[in-house]
Amino acid sequence: QQRHHWPPDEFRVIELHHMKLGHFLAYNCLGNAAMHAALYPLALARTRITAQPGRLEYSGFAHCLRSVLAHEGLRGLYAGAWTRALLTLGVTYETVRASAEPLPAPARGAVAGGCAALASQALLVPADVVTQHIMLLPMARLSPVAATVAMAPGAGWLGQAGAVIRWIRRRHGLAGFYKGGLWSLVLFLPNSAAMWSAYSAYCDWLYRWLDSPPRLAVQLTAAPLAGATAGLLTNPIDVLRLRVMLQADRGAGARDALRRLWAEEGPAWLAKGLSARLAQSALFSFLFVLYYEPAKRLALKDEFKGALL
């Protein structure tokens, strides 16, 4: 019975035991698909900007988006999009958050976010490797796949994915599908933990500072602040991760990618693609909360609706 009551100045969080799990899964799946369809062009632009030495192809984030749209059309903005999926994130996050109930809210957010990132990356690193290569196919000077694999004229996304998969398997073997996997964990564990920890802290601070404002307004303000905070802190790791994933040489690792980045950019590589990453992280967090929190509210069990709505 104690779960129905909170201190008057505490921001109320909807936990897993408050929800009908089947309803939450359905709402979460639909929201995930819509959010990633909206954000995918930003991820493509960030990948291409990070992969290029200096400003070889694009002068910035906006120029990249305009150029892709002008030369490749709307389809170019979604090259490789079908390989992306993050369905496991929501359920993993809520499950771990519920099991970490004795901890303070920011610490629980950090633990749950880190575990959710671990689960999703363990499943999706191969898809991410294939996707990154597909994103670079139009950039022949930078794509090792485009230079060595004869792509059929007018090949669709499935044909391109098949060619990339065959190239990775021939060049690197099965281990090639997990190239950069360690750096994905090094990135996404602290990024997700930082984002959810900051999100809980921002929600608590805004709720107290604004004297009990509408719950969704607090969450939609805290989310992009938390996303930008996490994106700023982890941008260098993301740059290194992408470069490791896209290296063509067998056995090339993080040290080789780091040497190449330093030779091309100097210390400026630490902020390479930062504007694209901040925009993507802030918008991702905003859209995620925009569907995620209403999905949780729609899935509430009847006995909790009075206390949490």
C-alpha atoms as a PDB file:
ATOM      1  CA  GLN A   1       0.000   0.000   0.000  1.00  0.00           C
ATOM      2  CA  GLN A   2       2.953   2.324   0.575  1.00  0.00           C
ATOM      3  CA  ARG A   3       3.677   2.382  -3.146  1.00  0.00           C
ATOM      4  CA  HIS A   4       0.571   4.532  -3.685  1.00  0.00           C
ATOM      5  CA  HIS A   5       2.028   7.491  -1.726  1.00  0.00           C
ATOM      6  CA  TRP A   6       4.953   9.826  -2.299  1.00  0.00           C
ATOM      7  CA  PRO A   7       6.313  12.834  -0.392  1.00  0.00           C
ATOM      8  CA  PRO A   8       4.656  16.020  -1.743  1.00  0.00           C
ATOM      9  CA  ASP A   9       7.942  17.447  -3.091  1.00  0.00           C
ATOM     10  CA  GLU A  10       9.139  14.232  -4.801  1.00  0.00           C
ATOM     11  CA  PHE A  11       8.774  13.754  -8.546  1.00  0.00           C
ATOM     12  CA  ARG A  12       6.633  10.649  -9.069  1.00  0.00           C
ATOM     13  CA  VAL A  13       8.061   8.024 -11.418  1.00  0.00           C
ATOM     14  CA  ILE A  14       5.904   5.348 -13.046  1.00  0.00           C
ATOM     15  CA  GLU A  15       7.602   2.007 -12.331  1.00  0.00           C
ATOM     16  CA  LEU A  16       7.213  -1.379 -14.007  1.00  0.00           C
ATOM     17  CA  HIS A  17       4.907  -2.742 -11.295  1.00  0.00           C
ATOM     18  CA  HIS A  18       2.495   0.165 -11.925  1.00  0.00           C
ATOM     19  CA  MET A  19       1.871  -0.885 -15.549  1.00  0.00           C
ATOM     20  CA  LYS A  20       0.122  -3.562 -17.601  1.00  0.00           C
ATOM     21  CA  LEU A  21       3.169  -5.069 -19.308  1.00  0.00           C
ATOM     22  CA  GLY A  22       1.425  -6.181 -22.518  1.00  0.00           C
ATOM     23  CA  HIS A  23      -0.015  -2.714 -23.129  1.00  0.00           C
ATOM     24  CA  PHE A  24       3.318  -1.069 -22.398  1.00  0.00           C
ATOM     25  CA  LEU A  25       5.163  -3.345 -24.861  1.00  0.00           C
ATOM     26  CA  ALA A  26       2.724  -2.530 -27.667  1.00  0.00           C
ATOM     27  CA  TYR A  27       2.837   1.245 -27.107  1.00  0.00           C
ATOM     28  CA  ASN A  28       6.631   1.178 -26.708  1.00  0.00           C
ATOM     29  CA  CYS A  29       7.124  -0.723 -29.973  1.00  0.00           C
ATOM     30  CA  LEU A  30       5.024   1.725 -32.001  1.00  0.00           C
ATOM     31  CA  GLY A  31       6.678   4.755 -30.445  1.00  0.00           C
ATOM     32  CA  ASN A  32      10.159   3.322 -31.011  1.00  0.00           C
ATOM     33  CA  ALA A  33       9.524   2.780 -34.712  1.00  0.00           C
ATOM     34  CA  ALA A  34       8.185   6.308 -35.217  1.00  0.00           C
ATOM     35  CA  MET A  35      11.011   7.943 -33.258  1.00  0.00           C
ATOM     36  CA  HIS A  36      13.803   6.176 -35.106  1.00  0.00           C
ATOM     37  CA  ALA A  37      12.223   6.922 -38.469  1.00  0.00           C
ATOM     38  CA  ALA A  38      12.335  10.610 -37.524  1.00  0.00           C
ATOM     39  CA  LEU A  39      15.919  10.517 -36.197  1.00  0.00           C
ATOM     40  CA  TYR A  40      17.625   8.273 -38.734  1.00  0.00           C
ATOM     41  CA  PRO A  41      18.719  11.100 -41.109  1.00  0.00           C
ATOM     42  CA  LEU A  42      20.559  12.746 -38.193  1.00  0.00           C
ATOM     43  CA  ALA A  43      22.398   9.496 -37.464  1.00  0.00           C
ATOM     44  CA  LEU A  44      23.364   9.177 -41.134  1.00  0.00           C
ATOM     45  CA  ALA A  45      24.697  12.744 -41.226  1.00  0.00           C
ATOM     46  CA  ARG A  46      26.680  12.202 -38.033  1.00  0.00           C
ATOM     47  CA  THR A  47      28.237   9.010 -39.404  1.00  0.00           C
ATOM     48  CA  ARG A  48      29.306  10.626 -42.680  1.00  0.00           C
ATOM     49  CA  ILE A  49      30.734  13.726 -40.994  1.00  0.00           C
ATOM     50  CA  THR A  50      32.672  11.601 -38.509  1.00  0.00           C
ATOM     51  CA  ALA A  51      34.011   9.250 -41.194  1.00  0.00           C
ATOM     52  CA  GLN A  52      35.432  11.980 -43.450  1.00  0.00           C
ATOM     53  CA  PRO A  53      38.921  13.436 -42.874  1.00  0.00           C
ATOM     54  CA  GLY A  54      38.579  17.151 -42.242  1.00  0.00           C
ATOM     55  CA  ARG A  55      35.824  18.527 -44.483  1.00  0.00           C
ATOM     56  CA  LEU A  56      36.443  16.320 -47.487  1.00  0.00           C
ATOM     57  CA  GLU A  57      32.795  15.930 -48.475  1.00  0.00           C
ATOM     58  CA  TYR A  58      30.692  18.045 -46.123  1.00  0.00           C
ATOM     59  CA  SER A  59      31.357  21.360 -44.426  1.00  0.00           C
ATOM     60  CA  GLY A  60      28.954  20.678 -41.589  1.00  0.00           C
ATOM     61  CA  PHE A  61      25.802  19.051 -40.296  1.00  0.00           C
ATOM     62  CA  ALA A  62      23.287  21.094 -42.302  1.00  0.00           C
ATOM     63  CA  HIS A  63      25.386  20.886 -45.485  1.00  0.00           C
ATOM     64  CA  CYS A  64      25.489  17.102 -45.195  1.00  0.00           C
ATOM     65  CA  LEU A  65      21.702  16.816 -44.913  1.00  0.00           C
ATOM     66  CA  ARG A  66      21.139  19.214 -47.828  1.00  0.00           C
ATOM     67  CA  SER A  67      23.698  17.449 -49.999  1.00  0.00           C
ATOM     68  CA  VAL A  68      22.309  13.967 -49.365  1.00  0.00           C
ATOM     69  CA  LEU A  69      18.774  15.148 -50.085  1.00  0.00           C
ATOM     70  CA  ALA A  70      19.859  16.915 -53.287  1.00  0.00           C
ATOM     71  CA  HIS A  71      22.006  14.103 -54.724  1.00  0.00           C
ATOM     72  CA  GLU A  72      20.464  10.936 -53.271  1.00  0.00           C
ATOM     73  CA  GLY A  73      16.908  11.993 -52.552  1.00  0.00           C
ATOM     74  CA  LEU A  74      14.784  11.120 -49.533  1.00  0.00           C
ATOM     75  CA  ARG A  75      15.796   7.481 -49.898  1.00  0.00           C
ATOM     76  CA  GLY A  76      19.428   8.445 -49.360  1.00  0.00           C
ATOM     77  CA  LEU A  77      18.597   9.852 -45.927  1.00  0.00           C
ATOM     78  CA  TYR A  78      17.376   6.388 -44.913  1.00  0.00           C
ATOM     79  CA  ALA A  79      20.149   4.229 -46.401  1.00  0.00           C
ATOM     80  CA  GLY A  80      20.428   1.114 -44.218  1.00  0.00           C
ATOM     81  CA  ALA A  81      17.553   2.158 -41.979  1.00  0.00           C
ATOM     82  CA  TRP A  82      15.903  -1.243 -41.948  1.00  0.00           C
ATOM     83  CA  THR A  83      18.808  -2.760 -39.978  1.00  0.00           C
ATOM     84  CA  ARG A  84      18.191  -0.481 -37.025  1.00  0.00           C
ATOM     85  CA  ALA A  85      16.091  -1.586 -34.080  1.00  0.00           C
ATOM     86  CA  LEU A  86      16.166  -0.786 -30.360  1.00  0.00           C
ATOM     87  CA  LEU A  87      13.115  -2.676 -29.199  1.00  0.00           C
ATOM     88  CA  THR A  88      14.839  -4.090 -26.110  1.00  0.00           C
ATOM     89  CA  LEU A  89      15.671  -0.732 -24.540  1.00  0.00           C
ATOM     90  CA  GLY A  90      12.374   0.172 -22.864  1.00  0.00           C
ATOM     91  CA  VAL A  91      11.617  -3.157 -21.216  1.00  0.00           C
ATOM     92  CA  THR A  92      15.198  -3.692 -20.022  1.00  0.00           C
ATOM     93  CA  TYR A  93      15.356  -0.191 -18.533  1.00  0.00           C
ATOM     94  CA  GLU A  94      12.109  -0.524 -16.593  1.00  0.00           C
ATOM     95  CA  THR A  95      12.915  -4.042 -15.369  1.00  0.00           C
ATOM     96  CA  VAL A  96      16.322  -3.075 -13.970  1.00  0.00           C
ATOM     97  CA  ARG A  97      14.991   0.187 -12.537  1.00  0.00           C
ATOM     98  CA  ALA A  98      12.348  -1.739 -10.594  1.00  0.00           C
ATOM     99  CA  SER A  99      14.941  -4.161  -9.189  1.00  0.00           C
ATOM    100  CA  ALA A 100      17.172  -1.252  -8.067  1.00  0.00           C
ATOM    101  CA  GLU A 101      14.407   0.359  -5.996  1.00  0.00           C
ATOM    102  CA  PRO A 102      16.482   0.909  -2.795  1.00  0.00           C
ATOM    103  CA  LEU A 103      18.841   3.295  -4.647  1.00  0.00           C
ATOM    104  CA  PRO A 104      18.201   7.055  -5.093  1.00  0.00           C
ATOM    105  CA  ALA A 105      16.399   7.989  -8.341  1.00  0.00           C
ATOM    106  CA  PRO A 106      19.481   9.288 -10.256  1.00  0.00           C
ATOM    107  CA  ALA A 107      21.504   6.183  -9.304  1.00  0.00           C
ATOM    108  CA  ARG A 108      18.636   3.893 -10.309  1.00  0.00           C
ATOM    109  CA  GLY A 109      18.412   5.683 -13.649  1.00  0.00           C
ATOM    110  CA  ALA A 110      22.138   5.247 -14.208  1.00  0.00           C
ATOM    111  CA  VAL A 111      22.093   1.506 -13.396  1.00  0.00           C
ATOM    112  CA  ALA A 112      18.982   0.828 -15.469  1.00  0.00           C
ATOM    113  CA  GLY A 113      20.180   2.889 -18.430  1.00  0.00           C
ATOM    114  CA  GLY A 114      23.553   1.152 -18.435  1.00  0.00           C
ATOM    115  CA  CYS A 115      21.992  -2.325 -18.336  1.00  0.00           C
ATOM    116  CA  ALA A 116      19.546  -1.437 -21.101  1.00  0.00           C
ATOM    117  CA  ALA A 117      22.419  -0.226 -23.270  1.00  0.00           C
ATOM    118  CA  LEU A 118      24.352  -3.441 -22.556  1.00  0.00           C
ATOM    119  CA  ALA A 119      21.410  -5.600 -23.630  1.00  0.00           C
ATOM    120  CA  SER A 120      20.692  -3.653 -26.804  1.00  0.00           C
ATOM    121  CA  GLN A 121      24.334  -3.426 -27.902  1.00  0.00           C
ATOM    122  CA  ALA A 122      24.940  -7.145 -27.375  1.00  0.00           C
ATOM    123  CA  LEU A 123      22.156  -7.812 -29.886  1.00  0.00           C
ATOM    124  CA  LEU A 124      22.625  -4.948 -32.318  1.00  0.00           C
ATOM    125  CA  VAL A 125      26.364  -4.385 -32.855  1.00  0.00           C
ATOM    126  CA  PRO A 126      26.368  -6.505 -36.070  1.00  0.00           C
ATOM    127  CA  ALA A 127      23.424  -4.526 -37.436  1.00  0.00           C
ATOM    128  CA  ASP A 128      25.210  -1.307 -36.529  1.00  0.00           C
ATOM    129  CA  VAL A 129      28.407  -2.370 -38.353  1.00  0.00           C
ATOM    130  CA  VAL A 130      26.457  -3.209 -41.527  1.00  0.00           C
ATOM    131  CA  THR A 131      24.448   0.012 -41.280  1.00  0.00           C
ATOM    132  CA  GLN A 132      27.537   2.218 -40.960  1.00  0.00           C
ATOM    133  CA  HIS A 133      29.003   0.738 -44.147  1.00  0.00           C
ATOM    134  CA  ILE A 134      25.733   1.180 -46.065  1.00  0.00           C
ATOM    135  CA  MET A 135      25.595   4.823 -44.972  1.00  0.00           C
ATOM    136  CA  LEU A 136      29.008   5.417 -46.570  1.00  0.00           C
ATOM    137  CA  LEU A 137      28.435   3.617 -49.879  1.00  0.00           C
ATOM    138  CA  PRO A 138      27.806   6.844 -51.860  1.00  0.00           C
ATOM    139  CA  MET A 139      31.115   8.254 -50.518  1.00  0.00           C
ATOM    140  CA  ALA A 140      33.386   6.114 -52.733  1.00  0.00           C
ATOM    141  CA  ARG A 141      36.588   7.753 -51.449  1.00  0.00           C
ATOM    142  CA  LEU A 142      35.778   6.755 -47.875  1.00  0.00           C
ATOM    143  CA  SER A 143      33.889   3.493 -48.253  1.00  0.00           C
ATOM    144  CA  PRO A 144      36.098   0.385 -48.457  1.00  0.00           C
ATOM    145  CA  VAL A 145      33.030  -1.593 -49.525  1.00  0.00           C
ATOM    146  CA  ALA A 146      32.169   0.681 -52.446  1.00  0.00           C
ATOM    147  CA  ALA A 147      35.763   0.458 -53.679  1.00  0.00           C
ATOM    148  CA  THR A 148      36.005  -3.333 -53.615  1.00  0.00           C
ATOM    149  CA  VAL A 149      32.466  -4.643 -54.086  1.00  0.00           C
ATOM    150  CA  ALA A 150      30.737  -4.270 -57.447  1.00  0.00           C
ATOM    151  CA  MET A 151      27.311  -2.975 -56.542  1.00  0.00           C
ATOM    152  CA  ALA A 152      24.556  -3.842 -58.988  1.00  0.00           C
ATOM    153  CA  PRO A 153      23.172  -0.689 -60.632  1.00  0.00           C
ATOM    154  CA  GLY A 154      19.991   0.352 -58.895  1.00  0.00           C
ATOM    155  CA  ALA A 155      20.376  -2.302 -56.189  1.00  0.00           C
ATOM    156  CA  GLY A 156      17.868  -1.899 -53.382  1.00  0.00           C
ATOM    157  CA  TRP A 157      18.630  -1.781 -49.711  1.00  0.00           C
ATOM    158  CA  LEU A 158      18.525  -5.569 -49.381  1.00  0.00           C
ATOM    159  CA  GLY A 159      21.000  -5.953 -52.246  1.00  0.00           C
ATOM    160  CA  GLN A 160      23.334  -3.406 -50.698  1.00  0.00           C
ATOM    161  CA  ALA A 161      23.086  -5.046 -47.290  1.00  0.00           C
ATOM    162  CA  GLY A 162      23.844  -8.444 -48.806  1.00  0.00           C
ATOM    163  CA  ALA A 163      26.925  -7.094 -50.578  1.00  0.00           C
ATOM    164  CA  VAL A 164      28.167  -5.412 -47.390  1.00  0.00           C
ATOM    165  CA  ILE A 165      27.597  -8.571 -45.322  1.00  0.00           C
ATOM    166  CA  ARG A 166      29.513 -10.703 -47.853  1.00  0.00           C
ATOM    167  CA  TRP A 167      32.377  -8.190 -47.922  1.00  0.00           C
ATOM    168  CA  ILE A 168      32.652  -8.118 -44.114  1.00  0.00           C
ATOM    169  CA  ARG A 169      32.585 -11.912 -43.914  1.00  0.00           C
ATOM    170  CA  ARG A 170      35.287 -12.320 -46.580  1.00  0.00           C
ATOM    171  CA  ARG A 171      37.482  -9.539 -45.231  1.00  0.00           C
ATOM    172  CA  HIS A 172      37.189 -10.051 -41.478  1.00  0.00           C
ATOM    173  CA  GLY A 173      35.300 -13.295 -40.885  1.00  0.00           C
ATOM    174  CA  LEU A 174      32.533 -13.492 -38.296  1.00  0.00           C
ATOM    175  CA  ALA A 175      34.539 -11.299 -35.941  1.00  0.00           C
ATOM    176  CA  GLY A 176      34.080  -8.459 -38.443  1.00  0.00           C
ATOM    177  CA  PHE A 177      30.428  -8.165 -37.460  1.00  0.00           C
ATOM    178  CA  TYR A 178      31.549  -7.257 -33.940  1.00  0.00           C
ATOM    179  CA  LYS A 179      34.279  -4.859 -35.045  1.00  0.00           C
ATOM    180  CA  GLY A 180      34.134  -1.937 -32.674  1.00  0.00           C
ATOM    181  CA  GLY A 181      31.771  -3.862 -30.397  1.00  0.00           C
ATOM    182  CA  LEU A 182      33.902  -3.180 -27.337  1.00  0.00           C
ATOM    183  CA  TRP A 183      33.890   0.536 -28.142  1.00  0.00           C
ATOM    184  CA  SER A 184      30.120   0.409 -28.578  1.00  0.00           C
ATOM    185  CA  LEU A 185      29.866  -0.798 -24.997  1.00  0.00           C
ATOM    186  CA  VAL A 186      32.455   1.762 -23.875  1.00  0.00           C
ATOM    187  CA  LEU A 187      30.248   4.435 -25.472  1.00  0.00           C
ATOM    188  CA  PHE A 188      26.702   3.321 -24.799  1.00  0.00           C
ATOM    189  CA  LEU A 189      27.096   2.146 -21.226  1.00  0.00           C
ATOM    190  CA  PRO A 190      28.289   5.553 -19.897  1.00  0.00           C
ATOM    191  CA  ASN A 191      26.141   7.458 -22.402  1.00  0.00           C
ATOM    192  CA  SER A 192      22.935   5.708 -21.393  1.00  0.00           C
ATOM    193  CA  ALA A 193      23.834   5.740 -17.716  1.00  0.00           C
ATOM    194  CA  ALA A 194      24.692   9.461 -17.867  1.00  0.00           C
ATOM    195  CA  MET A 195      21.532  10.302 -19.804  1.00  0.00           C
ATOM    196  CA  TRP A 196      19.140   8.518 -17.435  1.00  0.00           C
ATOM    197  CA  SER A 197      20.952   9.687 -14.319  1.00  0.00           C
ATOM    198  CA  ALA A 198      20.912  13.291 -15.559  1.00  0.00           C
ATOM    199  CA  TYR A 199      17.261  12.908 -16.615  1.00  0.00           C
ATOM    200  CA  SER A 200      16.220  11.840 -13.091  1.00  0.00           C
ATOM    201  CA  ALA A 201      18.277  14.649 -11.536  1.00  0.00           C
ATOM    202  CA  TYR A 202      16.896  17.297 -13.932  1.00  0.00           C
ATOM    203  CA  CYS A 203      13.318  16.095 -13.312  1.00  0.00           C
ATOM    204  CA  ASP A 204      13.751  16.355  -9.535  1.00  0.00           C
ATOM    205  CA  TRP A 205      15.405  19.776  -9.788  1.00  0.00           C
ATOM    206  CA  LEU A 206      12.814  21.212 -12.209  1.00  0.00           C
ATOM    207  CA  TYR A 207       9.921  19.823 -10.174  1.00  0.00           C
ATOM    208  CA  ARG A 208      11.153  21.544  -7.017  1.00  0.00           C
ATOM    209  CA  TRP A 209      12.330  24.753  -8.716  1.00  0.00           C
ATOM    210  CA  LEU A 210       9.068  25.289 -10.649  1.00  0.00           C
ATOM    211  CA  ASP A 211       6.874  24.357  -7.662  1.00  0.00           C
ATOM    212  CA  SER A 212       5.085  21.210  -8.864  1.00  0.00           C
ATOM    213  CA  PRO A 213       4.506  21.971 -12.585  1.00  0.00           C
ATOM    214  CA  PRO A 214       2.736  19.563 -14.996  1.00  0.00           C
ATOM    215  CA  ARG A 215       4.551  16.247 -15.003  1.00  0.00           C
ATOM    216  CA  LEU A 216       4.981  15.908 -18.801  1.00  0.00           C
ATOM    217  CA  ALA A 217       6.297  19.479 -19.086  1.00  0.00           C
ATOM    218  CA  VAL A 218       9.023  18.646 -16.565  1.00  0.00           C
ATOM    219  CA  GLN A 219       9.954  15.476 -18.440  1.00  0.00           C
ATOM    220  CA  LEU A 220      10.048  17.115 -21.881  1.00  0.00           C
ATOM    221  CA  THR A 221      12.296  19.868 -20.529  1.00  0.00           C
ATOM    222  CA  ALA A 222      14.610  17.508 -18.663  1.00  0.00           C
ATOM    223  CA  ALA A 223      14.981  15.030 -21.550  1.00  0.00           C
ATOM    224  CA  PRO A 224      16.856  17.180 -24.123  1.00  0.00           C
ATOM    225  CA  LEU A 225      19.023  18.665 -21.351  1.00  0.00           C
ATOM    226  CA  ALA A 226      19.982  15.149 -20.255  1.00  0.00           C
ATOM    227  CA  GLY A 227      20.552  13.986 -23.839  1.00  0.00           C
ATOM    228  CA  ALA A 228      22.796  16.950 -24.653  1.00  0.00           C
ATOM    229  CA  THR A 229      24.735  16.443 -21.411  1.00  0.00           C
ATOM    230  CA  ALA A 230      25.404  12.785 -22.203  1.00  0.00           C
ATOM    231  CA  GLY A 231      26.227  13.566 -25.858  1.00  0.00           C
ATOM    232  CA  LEU A 232      28.742  16.234 -24.899  1.00  0.00           C
ATOM    233  CA  LEU A 233      30.512  13.970 -22.414  1.00  0.00           C
ATOM    234  CA  THR A 234      30.790  10.957 -24.743  1.00  0.00           C
ATOM    235  CA  ASN A 235      31.389  12.526 -28.176  1.00  0.00           C
ATOM    236  CA  PRO A 236      35.110  11.570 -28.402  1.00  0.00           C
ATOM    237  CA  ILE A 237      34.267   7.923 -27.668  1.00  0.00           C
ATOM    238  CA  ASP A 238      31.587   7.978 -30.373  1.00  0.00           C
ATOM    239  CA  VAL A 239      34.021   9.370 -32.960  1.00  0.00           C
ATOM    240  CA  LEU A 240      36.544   6.649 -32.141  1.00  0.00           C
ATOM    241  CA  ARG A 241      33.861   3.929 -32.187  1.00  0.00           C
ATOM    242  CA  LEU A 242      32.679   4.867 -35.676  1.00  0.00           C
ATOM    243  CA  ARG A 243      36.210   5.011 -37.051  1.00  0.00           C
ATOM    244  CA  VAL A 244      37.052   1.575 -35.592  1.00  0.00           C
ATOM    245  CA  MET A 245      33.906   0.037 -37.089  1.00  0.00           C
ATOM    246  CA  LEU A 246      34.654   1.406 -40.562  1.00  0.00           C
ATOM    247  CA  GLN A 247      38.330   0.417 -40.833  1.00  0.00           C
ATOM    248  CA  ALA A 248      39.014  -1.887 -43.765  1.00  0.00           C
ATOM    249  CA  ASP A 249      42.359  -3.344 -42.648  1.00  0.00           C
ATOM    250  CA  ARG A 250      42.219  -6.711 -40.931  1.00  0.00           C
ATOM    251  CA  GLY A 251      43.464  -6.389 -37.379  1.00  0.00           C
ATOM    252  CA  ALA A 252      43.277  -2.582 -37.322  1.00  0.00           C
ATOM    253  CA  GLY A 253      42.022  -1.382 -33.978  1.00  0.00           C
ATOM    254  CA  ALA A 254      41.444   1.640 -31.806  1.00  0.00           C
ATOM    255  CA  ARG A 255      45.115   2.637 -31.734  1.00  0.00           C
ATOM    256  CA  ASP A 256      45.247   2.803 -35.548  1.00  0.00           C
ATOM    257  CA  ALA A 257      42.011   4.791 -35.687  1.00  0.00           C
ATOM    258  CA  LEU A 258      43.295   7.179 -33.023  1.00  0.00           C
ATOM    259  CA  ARG A 259      46.578   7.757 -34.888  1.00  0.00           C
ATOM    260  CA  ARG A 260      44.672   8.483 -38.092  1.00  0.00           C
ATOM    261  CA  LEU A 261      42.294  10.882 -36.353  1.00  0.00           C
ATOM    262  CA  TRP A 262      45.181  12.764 -34.744  1.00  0.00           C
ATOM    263  CA  ALA A 263      47.029  13.002 -38.060  1.00  0.00           C
ATOM    264  CA  GLU A 264      43.933  14.320 -39.854  1.00  0.00           C
ATOM    265  CA  GLU A 265      42.452  16.640 -37.225  1.00  0.00           C
ATOM    266  CA  GLY A 266      44.856  17.160 -34.340  1.00  0.00           C
ATOM    267  CA  PRO A 267      43.094  17.739 -30.999  1.00  0.00           C
ATOM    268  CA  ALA A 268      40.035  19.042 -32.885  1.00  0.00           C
ATOM    269  CA  TRP A 269      38.971  15.404 -33.450  1.00  0.00           C
ATOM    270  CA  LEU A 270      37.575  15.416 -29.911  1.00  0.00           C
ATOM    271  CA  ALA A 271      34.774  17.718 -31.097  1.00  0.00           C
ATOM    272  CA  LYS A 272      34.362  16.185 -34.563  1.00  0.00           C
ATOM    273  CA  GLY A 273      30.678  15.933 -35.455  1.00  0.00           C
ATOM    274  CA  LEU A 274      29.747  17.446 -32.094  1.00  0.00           C
ATOM    275  CA  SER A 275      26.922  19.649 -33.413  1.00  0.00           C
ATOM    276  CA  ALA A 276      25.319  16.654 -35.129  1.00  0.00           C
ATOM    277  CA  ARG A 277      25.706  14.525 -32.018  1.00  0.00           C
ATOM    278  CA  LEU A 278      24.240  17.171 -29.700  1.00  0.00           C
ATOM    279  CA  ALA A 279      21.282  17.683 -32.036  1.00  0.00           C
ATOM    280  CA  GLN A 280      20.687  13.953 -32.358  1.00  0.00           C
ATOM    281  CA  SER A 281      21.093  13.264 -28.620  1.00  0.00           C
ATOM    282  CA  ALA A 282      18.845  16.114 -27.498  1.00  0.00           C
ATOM    283  CA  LEU A 283      16.161  15.323 -30.078  1.00  0.00           C
ATOM    284  CA  PHE A 284      16.397  11.586 -29.369  1.00  0.00           C
ATOM    285  CA  SER A 285      15.840  12.189 -25.659  1.00  0.00           C
ATOM    286  CA  PHE A 286      12.966  14.604 -26.279  1.00  0.00           C
ATOM    287  CA  LEU A 287      11.152  12.292 -28.709  1.00  0.00           C
ATOM    288  CA  PHE A 288      11.854   9.247 -26.569  1.00  0.00           C
ATOM    289  CA  VAL A 289      10.201  10.830 -23.536  1.00  0.00           C
ATOM    290  CA  LEU A 290       7.436  12.291 -25.738  1.00  0.00           C
ATOM    291  CA  TYR A 291       6.224   8.783 -26.568  1.00  0.00           C
ATOM    292  CA  TYR A 292       7.710   6.777 -23.687  1.00  0.00           C
ATOM    293  CA  GLU A 293       6.125   8.577 -20.755  1.00  0.00           C
ATOM    294  CA  PRO A 294       2.630   8.766 -22.337  1.00  0.00           C
ATOM    295  CA  ALA A 295       3.000   5.050 -23.200  1.00  0.00           C
ATOM    296  CA  LYS A 296       3.655   4.340 -19.534  1.00  0.00           C
ATOM    297  CA  ARG A 297       0.654   6.416 -18.519  1.00  0.00           C
ATOM    298  CA  LEU A 298      -1.620   4.656 -21.019  1.00  0.00           C
ATOM    299  CA  ALA A 299      -0.449   1.294 -19.655  1.00  0.00           C
ATOM    300  CA  LEU A 300      -1.099   2.169 -15.985  1.00  0.00           C
ATOM    301  CA  LYS A 301      -3.043  -0.289 -13.890  1.00  0.00           C
ATOM    302  CA  ASP A 302      -6.356   1.100 -12.710  1.00  0.00           C
ATOM    303  CA  GLU A 303      -5.363   1.190  -9.033  1.00  0.00           C
ATOM    304  CA  PHE A 304      -2.482   3.581  -9.732  1.00  0.00           C
ATOM    305  CA  LYS A 305      -4.207   6.046 -12.058  1.00  0.00           C
ATOM    306  CA  GLY A 306      -5.407   8.365  -9.316  1.00  0.00           C
ATOM    307  CA  ALA A 307      -1.984   8.643  -7.700  1.00  0.00           C
ATOM    308  CA  LEU A 308       0.160   8.969 -10.855  1.00  0.00           C
ATOM    309  CA  LEU A 309      -1.881  10.817 -13.488  1.00  0.00           C
END
